[in-house]
Amino acid sequence: SKLKGVKNVTSNFFTEKMVIEADDILMPEIEEEATKIVKRYEPQVVFEEA
């Protein structure tokens, strides 16, 4: 399923970065849900805000 408010997501495995483009007002909820999803598959990932 898709996360509400997300416009685009890009992943660059070479630089180990993921960029989420989304509605600013929904970003806190999107970040929380994206963190849960990523941690489920890659628990060692560390998140930083750019």
PDB file of N, CA and C in Angstrom:
ATOM      1  N   SER A   1       0.837  -1.188   0.000  1.00  0.00           N
ATOM      2  CA  SER A   1       0.000   0.000   0.000  1.00  0.00           C
ATOM      3  C   SER A   1       0.877   1.244   0.000  1.00  0.00           C
ATOM      4  N   LYS A   2       0.326   2.349  -0.411  1.00  0.00           N
ATOM      5  CA  LYS A   2       1.064   3.609  -0.487  1.00  0.00           C
ATOM      6  C   LYS A   2       0.772   4.449   0.747  1.00  0.00           C
ATOM      7  N   LEU A   3       1.743   5.271   1.125  1.00  0.00           N
ATOM      8  CA  LEU A   3       1.554   6.185   2.243  1.00  0.00           C
ATOM      9  C   LEU A   3       0.870   7.453   1.744  1.00  0.00           C
ATOM     10  N   LYS A   4      -0.169   7.865   2.431  1.00  0.00           N
ATOM     11  CA  LYS A   4      -0.924   9.055   2.061  1.00  0.00           C
ATOM     12  C   LYS A   4      -0.025  10.290   2.112  1.00  0.00           C
ATOM     13  N   GLY A   5      -0.065  11.084   1.047  1.00  0.00           N
ATOM     14  CA  GLY A   5       0.691  12.327   0.996  1.00  0.00           C
ATOM     15  C   GLY A   5       2.057  12.228   0.348  1.00  0.00           C
ATOM     16  N   VAL A   6       2.532  11.005   0.104  1.00  0.00           N
ATOM     17  CA  VAL A   6       3.853  10.832  -0.511  1.00  0.00           C
ATOM     18  C   VAL A   6       3.735  11.058  -2.014  1.00  0.00           C
ATOM     19  N   LYS A   7       4.567  11.951  -2.533  1.00  0.00           N
ATOM     20  CA  LYS A   7       4.570  12.247  -3.963  1.00  0.00           C
ATOM     21  C   LYS A   7       5.589  11.397  -4.708  1.00  0.00           C
ATOM     22  N   ASN A   8       6.770  11.211  -4.084  1.00  0.00           N
ATOM     23  CA  ASN A   8       7.841  10.474  -4.743  1.00  0.00           C
ATOM     24  C   ASN A   8       8.861  10.018  -3.704  1.00  0.00           C
ATOM     25  N   VAL A   9       9.472   8.868  -3.956  1.00  0.00           N
ATOM     26  CA  VAL A   9      10.556   8.364  -3.111  1.00  0.00           C
ATOM     27  C   VAL A   9      11.673   7.893  -4.027  1.00  0.00           C
ATOM     28  N   THR A  10      12.895   8.311  -3.710  1.00  0.00           N
ATOM     29  CA  THR A  10      14.050   7.825  -4.455  1.00  0.00           C
ATOM     30  C   THR A  10      15.051   7.229  -3.477  1.00  0.00           C
ATOM     31  N   SER A  11      15.663   6.143  -3.888  1.00  0.00           N
ATOM     32  CA  SER A  11      16.701   5.493  -3.082  1.00  0.00           C
ATOM     33  C   SER A  11      17.970   5.428  -3.903  1.00  0.00           C
ATOM     34  N   ASN A  12      19.076   5.776  -3.270  1.00  0.00           N
ATOM     35  CA  ASN A  12      20.375   5.680  -3.907  1.00  0.00           C
ATOM     36  C   ASN A  12      21.223   4.771  -3.031  1.00  0.00           C
ATOM     37  N   PHE A  13      21.408   3.560  -3.472  1.00  0.00           N
ATOM     38  CA  PHE A  13      22.140   2.580  -2.676  1.00  0.00           C
ATOM     39  C   PHE A  13      23.637   2.885  -2.617  1.00  0.00           C
ATOM     40  N   PHE A  14      24.141   3.586  -3.619  1.00  0.00           N
ATOM     41  CA  PHE A  14      25.557   3.950  -3.628  1.00  0.00           C
ATOM     42  C   PHE A  14      25.874   4.952  -2.513  1.00  0.00           C
ATOM     43  N   THR A  15      25.004   5.971  -2.372  1.00  0.00           N
ATOM     44  CA  THR A  15      25.210   6.984  -1.332  1.00  0.00           C
ATOM     45  C   THR A  15      24.478   6.641  -0.039  1.00  0.00           C
ATOM     46  N   GLU A  16      23.729   5.555  -0.058  1.00  0.00           N
ATOM     47  CA  GLU A  16      22.957   5.091   1.100  1.00  0.00           C
ATOM     48  C   GLU A  16      21.962   6.143   1.577  1.00  0.00           C
ATOM     49  N   LYS A  17      21.256   6.764   0.605  1.00  0.00           N
ATOM     50  CA  LYS A  17      20.281   7.796   0.943  1.00  0.00           C
ATOM     51  C   LYS A  17      18.926   7.480   0.334  1.00  0.00           C
ATOM     52  N   MET A  18      17.885   7.873   1.067  1.00  0.00           N
ATOM     53  CA  MET A  18      16.520   7.782   0.580  1.00  0.00           C
ATOM     54  C   MET A  18      15.905   9.168   0.744  1.00  0.00           C
ATOM     55  N   VAL A  19      15.261   9.654  -0.307  1.00  0.00           N
ATOM     56  CA  VAL A  19      14.632  10.964  -0.273  1.00  0.00           C
ATOM     57  C   VAL A  19      13.132  10.770  -0.452  1.00  0.00           C
ATOM     58  N   ILE A  20      12.368  11.360   0.465  1.00  0.00           N
ATOM     59  CA  ILE A  20      10.910  11.288   0.403  1.00  0.00           C
ATOM     60  C   ILE A  20      10.388  12.678   0.074  1.00  0.00           C
ATOM     61  N   GLU A  21       9.634  12.786  -1.018  1.00  0.00           N
ATOM     62  CA  GLU A  21       8.962  14.035  -1.367  1.00  0.00           C
ATOM     63  C   GLU A  21       7.503  13.866  -0.985  1.00  0.00           C
ATOM     64  N   ALA A  22       7.010  14.790  -0.131  1.00  0.00           N
ATOM     65  CA  ALA A  22       5.645  14.651   0.363  1.00  0.00           C
ATOM     66  C   ALA A  22       5.087  15.993   0.793  1.00  0.00           C
ATOM     67  N   ASP A  23       3.784  15.996   1.059  1.00  0.00           N
ATOM     68  CA  ASP A  23       3.128  17.185   1.588  1.00  0.00           C
ATOM     69  C   ASP A  23       3.742  17.526   2.942  1.00  0.00           C
ATOM     70  N   ASP A  24       4.151  18.777   3.106  1.00  0.00           N
ATOM     71  CA  ASP A  24       4.806  19.203   4.347  1.00  0.00           C
ATOM     72  C   ASP A  24       3.951  18.940   5.581  1.00  0.00           C
ATOM     73  N   ILE A  25       2.673  19.158   5.462  1.00  0.00           N
ATOM     74  CA  ILE A  25       1.796  19.010   6.628  1.00  0.00           C
ATOM     75  C   ILE A  25       1.708  17.558   7.105  1.00  0.00           C
ATOM     76  N   LEU A  26       1.901  16.615   6.199  1.00  0.00           N
ATOM     77  CA  LEU A  26       1.818  15.194   6.545  1.00  0.00           C
ATOM     78  C   LEU A  26       3.181  14.570   6.827  1.00  0.00           C
ATOM     79  N   MET A  27       4.255  15.336   6.659  1.00  0.00           N
ATOM     80  CA  MET A  27       5.600  14.771   6.771  1.00  0.00           C
ATOM     81  C   MET A  27       5.884  14.093   8.112  1.00  0.00           C
ATOM     82  N   PRO A  28       5.478  14.637   9.258  1.00  0.00           N
ATOM     83  CA  PRO A  28       5.762  13.930  10.518  1.00  0.00           C
ATOM     84  C   PRO A  28       5.170  12.519  10.564  1.00  0.00           C
ATOM     85  N   GLU A  29       3.937  12.371  10.092  1.00  0.00           N
ATOM     86  CA  GLU A  29       3.307  11.049  10.072  1.00  0.00           C
ATOM     87  C   GLU A  29       3.971  10.135   9.050  1.00  0.00           C
ATOM     88  N   ILE A  30       4.341  10.692   7.899  1.00  0.00           N
ATOM     89  CA  ILE A  30       4.996   9.910   6.856  1.00  0.00           C
ATOM     90  C   ILE A  30       6.358   9.420   7.337  1.00  0.00           C
ATOM     91  N   GLU A  31       7.124  10.302   7.987  1.00  0.00           N
ATOM     92  CA  GLU A  31       8.438   9.908   8.509  1.00  0.00           C
ATOM     93  C   GLU A  31       8.307   8.783   9.528  1.00  0.00           C
ATOM     94  N   GLU A  32       7.323   8.893  10.405  1.00  0.00           N
ATOM     95  CA  GLU A  32       7.115   7.859  11.419  1.00  0.00           C
ATOM     96  C   GLU A  32       6.774   6.514  10.779  1.00  0.00           C
ATOM     97  N   GLU A  33       5.870   6.528   9.813  1.00  0.00           N
ATOM     98  CA  GLU A  33       5.456   5.292   9.157  1.00  0.00           C
ATOM     99  C   GLU A  33       6.578   4.723   8.293  1.00  0.00           C
ATOM    100  N   ALA A  34       7.305   5.582   7.576  1.00  0.00           N
ATOM    101  CA  ALA A  34       8.425   5.125   6.747  1.00  0.00           C
ATOM    102  C   ALA A  34       9.507   4.496   7.616  1.00  0.00           C
ATOM    103  N   THR A  35       9.756   5.083   8.781  1.00  0.00           N
ATOM    104  CA  THR A  35      10.747   4.531   9.706  1.00  0.00           C
ATOM    105  C   THR A  35      10.357   3.126  10.134  1.00  0.00           C
ATOM    106  N   LYS A  36       9.097   2.926  10.467  1.00  0.00           N
ATOM    107  CA  LYS A  36       8.618   1.596  10.872  1.00  0.00           C
ATOM    108  C   LYS A  36       8.820   0.580   9.748  1.00  0.00           C
ATOM    109  N   ILE A  37       8.476   0.988   8.531  1.00  0.00           N
ATOM    110  CA  ILE A  37       8.578   0.076   7.386  1.00  0.00           C
ATOM    111  C   ILE A  37      10.037  -0.296   7.127  1.00  0.00           C
ATOM    112  N   VAL A  38      10.918   0.695   7.087  1.00  0.00           N
ATOM    113  CA  VAL A  38      12.333   0.434   6.807  1.00  0.00           C
ATOM    114  C   VAL A  38      12.952  -0.407   7.910  1.00  0.00           C
ATOM    115  N   LYS A  39      12.670  -0.081   9.168  1.00  0.00           N
ATOM    116  CA  LYS A  39      13.245  -0.821  10.303  1.00  0.00           C
ATOM    117  C   LYS A  39      12.799  -2.282  10.310  1.00  0.00           C
ATOM    118  N   ARG A  40      11.624  -2.553   9.782  1.00  0.00           N
ATOM    119  CA  ARG A  40      11.134  -3.931   9.709  1.00  0.00           C
ATOM    120  C   ARG A  40      12.056  -4.788   8.841  1.00  0.00           C
ATOM    121  N   TYR A  41      12.590  -4.205   7.769  1.00  0.00           N
ATOM    122  CA  TYR A  41      13.420  -4.958   6.833  1.00  0.00           C
ATOM    123  C   TYR A  41      14.919  -4.721   7.025  1.00  0.00           C
ATOM    124  N   GLU A  42      15.278  -3.542   7.509  1.00  0.00           N
ATOM    125  CA  GLU A  42      16.686  -3.162   7.683  1.00  0.00           C
ATOM    126  C   GLU A  42      16.859  -2.515   9.057  1.00  0.00           C
ATOM    127  N   PRO A  43      16.875  -3.307  10.136  1.00  0.00           N
ATOM    128  CA  PRO A  43      16.907  -2.738  11.489  1.00  0.00           C
ATOM    129  C   PRO A  43      18.155  -1.921  11.822  1.00  0.00           C
ATOM    130  N   GLN A  44      19.226  -2.067  11.080  1.00  0.00           N
ATOM    131  CA  GLN A  44      20.462  -1.340  11.367  1.00  0.00           C
ATOM    132  C   GLN A  44      20.482   0.073  10.775  1.00  0.00           C
ATOM    133  N   VAL A  45      19.483   0.435  10.003  1.00  0.00           N
ATOM    134  CA  VAL A  45      19.446   1.738   9.342  1.00  0.00           C
ATOM    135  C   VAL A  45      19.330   2.862  10.371  1.00  0.00           C
ATOM    136  N   VAL A  46      20.085   3.946  10.131  1.00  0.00           N
ATOM    137  CA  VAL A  46      20.033   5.138  10.974  1.00  0.00           C
ATOM    138  C   VAL A  46      19.428   6.267  10.141  1.00  0.00           C
ATOM    139  N   PHE A  47      18.437   6.944  10.697  1.00  0.00           N
ATOM    140  CA  PHE A  47      17.770   8.025   9.984  1.00  0.00           C
ATOM    141  C   PHE A  47      18.335   9.372  10.404  1.00  0.00           C
ATOM    142  N   GLU A  48      18.527  10.251   9.406  1.00  0.00           N
ATOM    143  CA  GLU A  48      18.969  11.620   9.640  1.00  0.00           C
ATOM    144  C   GLU A  48      18.138  12.537   8.764  1.00  0.00           C
ATOM    145  N   GLU A  49      17.798  13.694   9.298  1.00  0.00           N
ATOM    146  CA  GLU A  49      17.056  14.659   8.508  1.00  0.00           C
ATOM    147  C   GLU A  49      18.041  15.525   7.740  1.00  0.00           C
ATOM    148  N   ALA A  50      17.765  15.720   6.459  1.00  0.00           N
ATOM    149  CA  ALA A  50      18.673  16.506   5.610  1.00  0.00           C
ATOM    150  C   ALA A  50      18.395  17.974   5.718  1.00  0.00           C
TER     151      ALA A  50
END
